[in-house]
Amino acid sequence: MRGVLHVLSAVCVGACVTVGQAQVAGGAMPGCPVESRCPAVAGPGATPFQLAFAAQVQMLPDTWDVMGLRVDLVSGCNRNVSGLDLGLLNESDGWEYGLQVGGLWNDVHGSMAGLQVAGLVNTTGAKDRCQGLQVAGANLGGATDGVQIGVFNEAAGGMTGVQIGLVNISDRPLMGMQIGLINLNESGAIPFMPIMNFGF
């Protein structure tokens, strides 16, 4: 398997368009969904395609960015991902922009913009922004703008939008609606309401 991945890696490196090093001090990688919340990127380059069997057995190292398609047969990890991200366990050390579909878990350490769908858990950086739609058993986002649908939903940086689940938590003021058995708006005028809660 490792030998096959090495061959594929050589082919991909020869064919892909390398974005090159982004070394502008204090800047962010082009395409970052929330530039003000994304760290400067000084990775070796970017590829339009990544194939991974596991986080340490993949075509290109986890320091590379993926701008296109990433397929994680079991698990995979890259710095930033933009485009379509498919696998069992998907991980990004930085930001993610696009569609991320995980059989079990999607884990974005930074900001996320787009759609996350997982069999068990979606996570984004607790101090970063999540913009779009999260659908999973449990959804854990930072400052969330959009919709969370799951058994357990939490927006650590506050929720602007809608949470639908059995347990919904907005750690900072809610700007929108919570629908579920337990709805917590921890910094709001009404911190707890069953069935439905609002914040404006």
C-alpha atoms as a PDB file:
ATOM      1  CA  MET A   1       0.000   0.000   0.000  1.00  0.00           C
ATOM      2  CA  ARG A   2       2.794   2.424   0.899  1.00  0.00           C
ATOM      3  CA  GLY A   3       4.551   1.710  -2.398  1.00  0.00           C
ATOM      4  CA  VAL A   4       1.369   2.383  -4.379  1.00  0.00           C
ATOM      5  CA  LEU A   5       0.863   5.654  -2.528  1.00  0.00           C
ATOM      6  CA  HIS A   6       4.437   6.693  -3.262  1.00  0.00           C
ATOM      7  CA  VAL A   7       3.898   6.086  -6.982  1.00  0.00           C
ATOM      8  CA  LEU A   8       0.617   8.002  -6.947  1.00  0.00           C
ATOM      9  CA  SER A   9       2.319  10.778  -5.018  1.00  0.00           C
ATOM     10  CA  ALA A  10       5.013  11.120  -7.667  1.00  0.00           C
ATOM     11  CA  VAL A  11       2.412  11.251 -10.431  1.00  0.00           C
ATOM     12  CA  CYS A  12       0.306  13.791  -8.583  1.00  0.00           C
ATOM     13  CA  VAL A  13       3.236  16.046  -7.729  1.00  0.00           C
ATOM     14  CA  GLY A  14       4.283  16.034 -11.346  1.00  0.00           C
ATOM     15  CA  ALA A  15       0.795  16.881 -12.574  1.00  0.00           C
ATOM     16  CA  CYS A  16      -0.561  19.197  -9.922  1.00  0.00           C
ATOM     17  CA  VAL A  17      -0.356  22.950  -9.901  1.00  0.00           C
ATOM     18  CA  THR A  18       1.725  24.040  -6.923  1.00  0.00           C
ATOM     19  CA  VAL A  19       0.507  27.207  -5.348  1.00  0.00           C
ATOM     20  CA  GLY A  20       3.862  27.668  -3.637  1.00  0.00           C
ATOM     21  CA  GLN A  21       4.735  29.105  -0.305  1.00  0.00           C
ATOM     22  CA  ALA A  22       2.488  31.729   1.241  1.00  0.00           C
ATOM     23  CA  GLN A  23       4.863  33.660   3.465  1.00  0.00           C
ATOM     24  CA  VAL A  24       3.263  37.071   3.755  1.00  0.00           C
ATOM     25  CA  ALA A  25       3.648  37.994   7.416  1.00  0.00           C
ATOM     26  CA  GLY A  26       0.299  38.180   9.160  1.00  0.00           C
ATOM     27  CA  GLY A  27      -1.559  37.191   5.996  1.00  0.00           C
ATOM     28  CA  ALA A  28      -3.824  34.282   5.252  1.00  0.00           C
ATOM     29  CA  MET A  29      -3.889  31.664   2.536  1.00  0.00           C
ATOM     30  CA  PRO A  30      -5.977  32.760  -0.477  1.00  0.00           C
ATOM     31  CA  GLY A  31      -9.414  31.186  -0.243  1.00  0.00           C
ATOM     32  CA  CYS A  32      -9.519  31.236   3.560  1.00  0.00           C
ATOM     33  CA  PRO A  33     -13.218  31.362   4.486  1.00  0.00           C
ATOM     34  CA  VAL A  34     -12.730  33.884   7.281  1.00  0.00           C
ATOM     35  CA  GLU A  35      -9.413  35.601   6.641  1.00  0.00           C
ATOM     36  CA  SER A  36      -9.404  37.672   9.810  1.00  0.00           C
ATOM     37  CA  ARG A  37      -9.726  34.500  11.877  1.00  0.00           C
ATOM     38  CA  CYS A  38      -7.266  32.316   9.944  1.00  0.00           C
ATOM     39  CA  PRO A  39      -3.560  32.015  10.735  1.00  0.00           C
ATOM     40  CA  ALA A  40      -0.819  32.879   8.302  1.00  0.00           C
ATOM     41  CA  VAL A  41       0.096  29.909   6.134  1.00  0.00           C
ATOM     42  CA  ALA A  42       3.682  28.994   5.327  1.00  0.00           C
ATOM     43  CA  GLY A  43       3.205  25.492   3.985  1.00  0.00           C
ATOM     44  CA  PRO A  44       5.248  23.981   1.154  1.00  0.00           C
ATOM     45  CA  GLY A  45       2.443  24.148  -1.411  1.00  0.00           C
ATOM     46  CA  ALA A  46      -0.982  22.972  -2.504  1.00  0.00           C
ATOM     47  CA  THR A  47      -2.371  20.124  -4.569  1.00  0.00           C
ATOM     48  CA  PRO A  48      -5.687  19.667  -6.411  1.00  0.00           C
ATOM     49  CA  PHE A  49      -5.898  16.030  -5.223  1.00  0.00           C
ATOM     50  CA  GLN A  50      -4.960  14.112  -2.098  1.00  0.00           C
ATOM     51  CA  LEU A  51      -5.408  10.412  -1.369  1.00  0.00           C
ATOM     52  CA  ALA A  52      -4.867   9.080   2.138  1.00  0.00           C
ATOM     53  CA  PHE A  53      -5.122   5.663   3.729  1.00  0.00           C
ATOM     54  CA  ALA A  54      -4.286   7.012   7.195  1.00  0.00           C
ATOM     55  CA  ALA A  55      -2.977  10.315   8.509  1.00  0.00           C
ATOM     56  CA  GLN A  56       0.649   9.133   8.213  1.00  0.00           C
ATOM     57  CA  VAL A  57       0.125   7.105   5.019  1.00  0.00           C
ATOM     58  CA  GLN A  58      -0.943   9.574   2.339  1.00  0.00           C
ATOM     59  CA  MET A  59       0.239  10.870  -1.009  1.00  0.00           C
ATOM     60  CA  LEU A  60       1.451  14.234   0.254  1.00  0.00           C
ATOM     61  CA  PRO A  61       2.411  15.282   3.814  1.00  0.00           C
ATOM     62  CA  ASP A  62      -0.083  16.867   6.180  1.00  0.00           C
ATOM     63  CA  THR A  63       1.711  20.220   5.796  1.00  0.00           C
ATOM     64  CA  TRP A  64       0.277  20.570   2.268  1.00  0.00           C
ATOM     65  CA  ASP A  65      -2.998  22.333   1.410  1.00  0.00           C
ATOM     66  CA  VAL A  66      -5.644  20.638  -0.734  1.00  0.00           C
ATOM     67  CA  MET A  67      -7.525  22.815  -3.236  1.00  0.00           C
ATOM     68  CA  GLY A  68      -9.857  20.400  -4.975  1.00  0.00           C
ATOM     69  CA  LEU A  69     -10.580  16.825  -3.865  1.00  0.00           C
ATOM     70  CA  ARG A  70      -9.363  14.887  -0.852  1.00  0.00           C
ATOM     71  CA  VAL A  71     -10.253  11.200  -0.353  1.00  0.00           C
ATOM     72  CA  ASP A  72      -9.458   9.668   3.038  1.00  0.00           C
ATOM     73  CA  LEU A  73      -9.926   5.897   2.812  1.00  0.00           C
ATOM     74  CA  VAL A  74      -9.680   5.643   6.602  1.00  0.00           C
ATOM     75  CA  SER A  75      -8.303   8.943   7.861  1.00  0.00           C
ATOM     76  CA  GLY A  76      -6.369  11.889   6.509  1.00  0.00           C
ATOM     77  CA  CYS A  77      -4.958  15.199   7.684  1.00  0.00           C
ATOM     78  CA  ASN A  78      -3.855  18.341   5.826  1.00  0.00           C
ATOM     79  CA  ARG A  79      -3.180  21.926   6.750  1.00  0.00           C
ATOM     80  CA  ASN A  80      -6.097  23.554   4.882  1.00  0.00           C
ATOM     81  CA  VAL A  81      -8.725  22.041   2.576  1.00  0.00           C
ATOM     82  CA  SER A  82     -10.903  23.768  -0.016  1.00  0.00           C
ATOM     83  CA  GLY A  83     -13.357  21.846  -2.185  1.00  0.00           C
ATOM     84  CA  LEU A  84     -14.676  18.308  -1.620  1.00  0.00           C
ATOM     85  CA  ASP A  85     -13.464  16.283   1.370  1.00  0.00           C
ATOM     86  CA  LEU A  86     -14.565  12.627   1.627  1.00  0.00           C
ATOM     87  CA  GLY A  87     -13.583   9.925   4.085  1.00  0.00           C
ATOM     88  CA  LEU A  88     -14.177   8.045   7.297  1.00  0.00           C
ATOM     89  CA  LEU A  89     -12.163  10.416   9.518  1.00  0.00           C
ATOM     90  CA  ASN A  90     -11.371  13.823   7.986  1.00  0.00           C
ATOM     91  CA  GLU A  91      -9.029  16.272   9.723  1.00  0.00           C
ATOM     92  CA  SER A  92      -7.736  19.744   8.852  1.00  0.00           C
ATOM     93  CA  ASP A  93      -5.142  21.507  11.000  1.00  0.00           C
ATOM     94  CA  GLY A  94      -6.222  24.903   9.651  1.00  0.00           C
ATOM     95  CA  TRP A  95      -9.412  25.945   7.863  1.00  0.00           C
ATOM     96  CA  GLU A  96     -11.849  24.113   5.608  1.00  0.00           C
ATOM     97  CA  TYR A  97     -14.017  25.563   2.833  1.00  0.00           C
ATOM     98  CA  GLY A  98     -16.559  23.530   0.863  1.00  0.00           C
ATOM     99  CA  LEU A  99     -18.223  20.153   1.420  1.00  0.00           C
ATOM    100  CA  GLN A 100     -16.889  17.760   4.061  1.00  0.00           C
ATOM    101  CA  VAL A 101     -18.486  14.309   4.357  1.00  0.00           C
ATOM    102  CA  GLY A 102     -17.216  11.930   7.040  1.00  0.00           C
ATOM    103  CA  GLY A 103     -18.448   8.438   7.765  1.00  0.00           C
ATOM    104  CA  LEU A 104     -17.623   8.982  11.440  1.00  0.00           C
ATOM    105  CA  TRP A 105     -15.951  12.299  12.201  1.00  0.00           C
ATOM    106  CA  ASN A 106     -15.031  15.634  10.621  1.00  0.00           C
ATOM    107  CA  ASP A 107     -12.473  17.624  12.630  1.00  0.00           C
ATOM    108  CA  VAL A 108     -11.479  21.147  11.568  1.00  0.00           C
ATOM    109  CA  HIS A 109      -9.095  22.833  13.996  1.00  0.00           C
ATOM    110  CA  GLY A 110      -9.731  26.309  12.570  1.00  0.00           C
ATOM    111  CA  SER A 111     -12.604  27.975  10.716  1.00  0.00           C
ATOM    112  CA  MET A 112     -15.152  26.170   8.553  1.00  0.00           C
ATOM    113  CA  ALA A 113     -17.361  27.557   5.791  1.00  0.00           C
ATOM    114  CA  GLY A 114     -19.716  25.271   3.894  1.00  0.00           C
ATOM    115  CA  LEU A 115     -21.362  21.954   4.733  1.00  0.00           C
ATOM    116  CA  GLN A 116     -20.219  19.329   7.242  1.00  0.00           C
ATOM    117  CA  VAL A 117     -21.991  15.943   7.319  1.00  0.00           C
ATOM    118  CA  ALA A 118     -20.799  13.111   9.580  1.00  0.00           C
ATOM    119  CA  GLY A 119     -22.118   9.860  11.003  1.00  0.00           C
ATOM    120  CA  LEU A 120     -21.063  10.779  14.539  1.00  0.00           C
ATOM    121  CA  VAL A 121     -19.337  14.127  15.142  1.00  0.00           C
ATOM    122  CA  ASN A 122     -18.524  17.432  13.431  1.00  0.00           C
ATOM    123  CA  THR A 123     -16.067  19.774  15.165  1.00  0.00           C
ATOM    124  CA  THR A 124     -14.569  23.150  14.316  1.00  0.00           C
ATOM    125  CA  GLY A 125     -12.197  25.398  16.245  1.00  0.00           C
ATOM    126  CA  ALA A 126     -13.837  26.562  19.479  1.00  0.00           C
ATOM    127  CA  LYS A 127     -12.308  30.030  19.055  1.00  0.00           C
ATOM    128  CA  ASP A 128     -12.922  30.215  15.303  1.00  0.00           C
ATOM    129  CA  ARG A 129     -15.949  30.612  13.051  1.00  0.00           C
ATOM    130  CA  CYS A 130     -18.264  28.037  11.546  1.00  0.00           C
ATOM    131  CA  GLN A 131     -20.410  29.300   8.664  1.00  0.00           C
ATOM    132  CA  GLY A 132     -22.970  27.080   6.981  1.00  0.00           C
ATOM    133  CA  LEU A 133     -24.623  23.777   7.885  1.00  0.00           C
ATOM    134  CA  GLN A 134     -23.511  21.025  10.279  1.00  0.00           C
ATOM    135  CA  VAL A 135     -25.375  17.678  10.338  1.00  0.00           C
ATOM    136  CA  ALA A 136     -24.249  14.860  12.657  1.00  0.00           C
ATOM    137  CA  GLY A 137     -25.012  13.104  15.923  1.00  0.00           C
ATOM    138  CA  ALA A 138     -23.038  15.843  17.669  1.00  0.00           C
ATOM    139  CA  ASN A 139     -22.030  19.226  16.244  1.00  0.00           C
ATOM    140  CA  LEU A 140     -19.418  21.336  18.037  1.00  0.00           C
ATOM    141  CA  GLY A 141     -18.701  24.743  16.532  1.00  0.00           C
ATOM    142  CA  GLY A 142     -17.111  28.021  17.511  1.00  0.00           C
ATOM    143  CA  ALA A 143     -18.853  31.275  16.597  1.00  0.00           C
ATOM    144  CA  THR A 144     -21.519  29.668  14.415  1.00  0.00           C
ATOM    145  CA  ASP A 145     -23.499  31.361  11.635  1.00  0.00           C
ATOM    146  CA  GLY A 146     -26.011  29.007  10.036  1.00  0.00           C
ATOM    147  CA  VAL A 147     -27.698  25.767  11.072  1.00  0.00           C
ATOM    148  CA  GLN A 148     -26.769  22.851  13.339  1.00  0.00           C
ATOM    149  CA  ILE A 149     -28.853  19.649  13.152  1.00  0.00           C
ATOM    150  CA  GLY A 150     -28.053  16.777  15.494  1.00  0.00           C
ATOM    151  CA  VAL A 151     -28.738  15.066  18.791  1.00  0.00           C
ATOM    152  CA  PHE A 152     -26.309  17.445  20.550  1.00  0.00           C
ATOM    153  CA  ASN A 153     -25.423  20.894  19.211  1.00  0.00           C
ATOM    154  CA  GLU A 154     -23.062  23.436  20.767  1.00  0.00           C
ATOM    155  CA  ALA A 155     -21.860  26.819  19.512  1.00  0.00           C
ATOM    156  CA  ALA A 156     -18.966  27.770  21.805  1.00  0.00           C
ATOM    157  CA  GLY A 157     -18.690  31.260  20.368  1.00  0.00           C
ATOM    158  CA  GLY A 158     -22.424  31.925  20.121  1.00  0.00           C
ATOM    159  CA  MET A 159     -25.105  30.957  17.611  1.00  0.00           C
ATOM    160  CA  THR A 160     -26.487  33.138  14.842  1.00  0.00           C
ATOM    161  CA  GLY A 161     -29.095  30.984  13.130  1.00  0.00           C
ATOM    162  CA  VAL A 162     -30.921  27.786  14.102  1.00  0.00           C
ATOM    163  CA  GLN A 163     -30.081  24.762  16.251  1.00  0.00           C
ATOM    164  CA  ILE A 164     -32.273  21.643  15.980  1.00  0.00           C
ATOM    165  CA  GLY A 165     -31.634  18.703  18.307  1.00  0.00           C
ATOM    166  CA  LEU A 166     -32.346  17.113  21.664  1.00  0.00           C
ATOM    167  CA  VAL A 167     -29.793  19.352  23.415  1.00  0.00           C
ATOM    168  CA  ASN A 168     -28.865  22.778  22.010  1.00  0.00           C
ATOM    169  CA  ILE A 169     -26.287  25.059  23.630  1.00  0.00           C
ATOM    170  CA  SER A 170     -25.176  28.573  22.727  1.00  0.00           C
ATOM    171  CA  ASP A 171     -22.324  29.540  25.063  1.00  0.00           C
ATOM    172  CA  ARG A 172     -22.673  33.212  24.085  1.00  0.00           C
ATOM    173  CA  PRO A 173     -25.798  35.217  23.217  1.00  0.00           C
ATOM    174  CA  LEU A 174     -28.132  33.467  20.785  1.00  0.00           C
ATOM    175  CA  MET A 175     -29.272  35.365  17.709  1.00  0.00           C
ATOM    176  CA  GLY A 176     -31.897  33.053  16.276  1.00  0.00           C
ATOM    177  CA  MET A 177     -33.781  29.941  17.377  1.00  0.00           C
ATOM    178  CA  GLN A 178     -33.232  26.681  19.243  1.00  0.00           C
ATOM    179  CA  ILE A 179     -35.641  23.752  18.802  1.00  0.00           C
ATOM    180  CA  GLY A 180     -35.199  20.756  21.097  1.00  0.00           C
ATOM    181  CA  LEU A 181     -35.831  19.132  24.450  1.00  0.00           C
ATOM    182  CA  ILE A 182     -33.150  21.170  26.249  1.00  0.00           C
ATOM    183  CA  ASN A 183     -32.231  24.616  24.923  1.00  0.00           C
ATOM    184  CA  LEU A 184     -29.522  26.622  26.671  1.00  0.00           C
ATOM    185  CA  ASN A 185     -28.732  30.243  25.824  1.00  0.00           C
ATOM    186  CA  GLU A 186     -26.131  30.691  28.538  1.00  0.00           C
ATOM    187  CA  SER A 187     -25.564  34.443  28.120  1.00  0.00           C
ATOM    188  CA  GLY A 188     -29.132  35.316  27.182  1.00  0.00           C
ATOM    189  CA  ALA A 189     -31.983  36.887  29.141  1.00  0.00           C
ATOM    190  CA  ILE A 190     -33.692  33.464  29.197  1.00  0.00           C
ATOM    191  CA  PRO A 191     -30.875  30.938  29.749  1.00  0.00           C
ATOM    192  CA  PHE A 192     -33.062  27.823  29.552  1.00  0.00           C
ATOM    193  CA  MET A 193     -36.231  26.910  27.690  1.00  0.00           C
ATOM    194  CA  PRO A 194     -37.625  23.489  26.761  1.00  0.00           C
ATOM    195  CA  ILE A 195     -38.997  22.808  23.254  1.00  0.00           C
ATOM    196  CA  MET A 196     -38.121  26.216  21.774  1.00  0.00           C
ATOM    197  CA  ASN A 197     -35.934  29.180  22.644  1.00  0.00           C
ATOM    198  CA  PHE A 198     -35.329  32.504  20.893  1.00  0.00           C
ATOM    199  CA  GLY A 199     -32.670  35.181  21.055  1.00  0.00           C
ATOM    200  CA  PHE A 200     -32.456  38.528  19.282  1.00  0.00           C
END
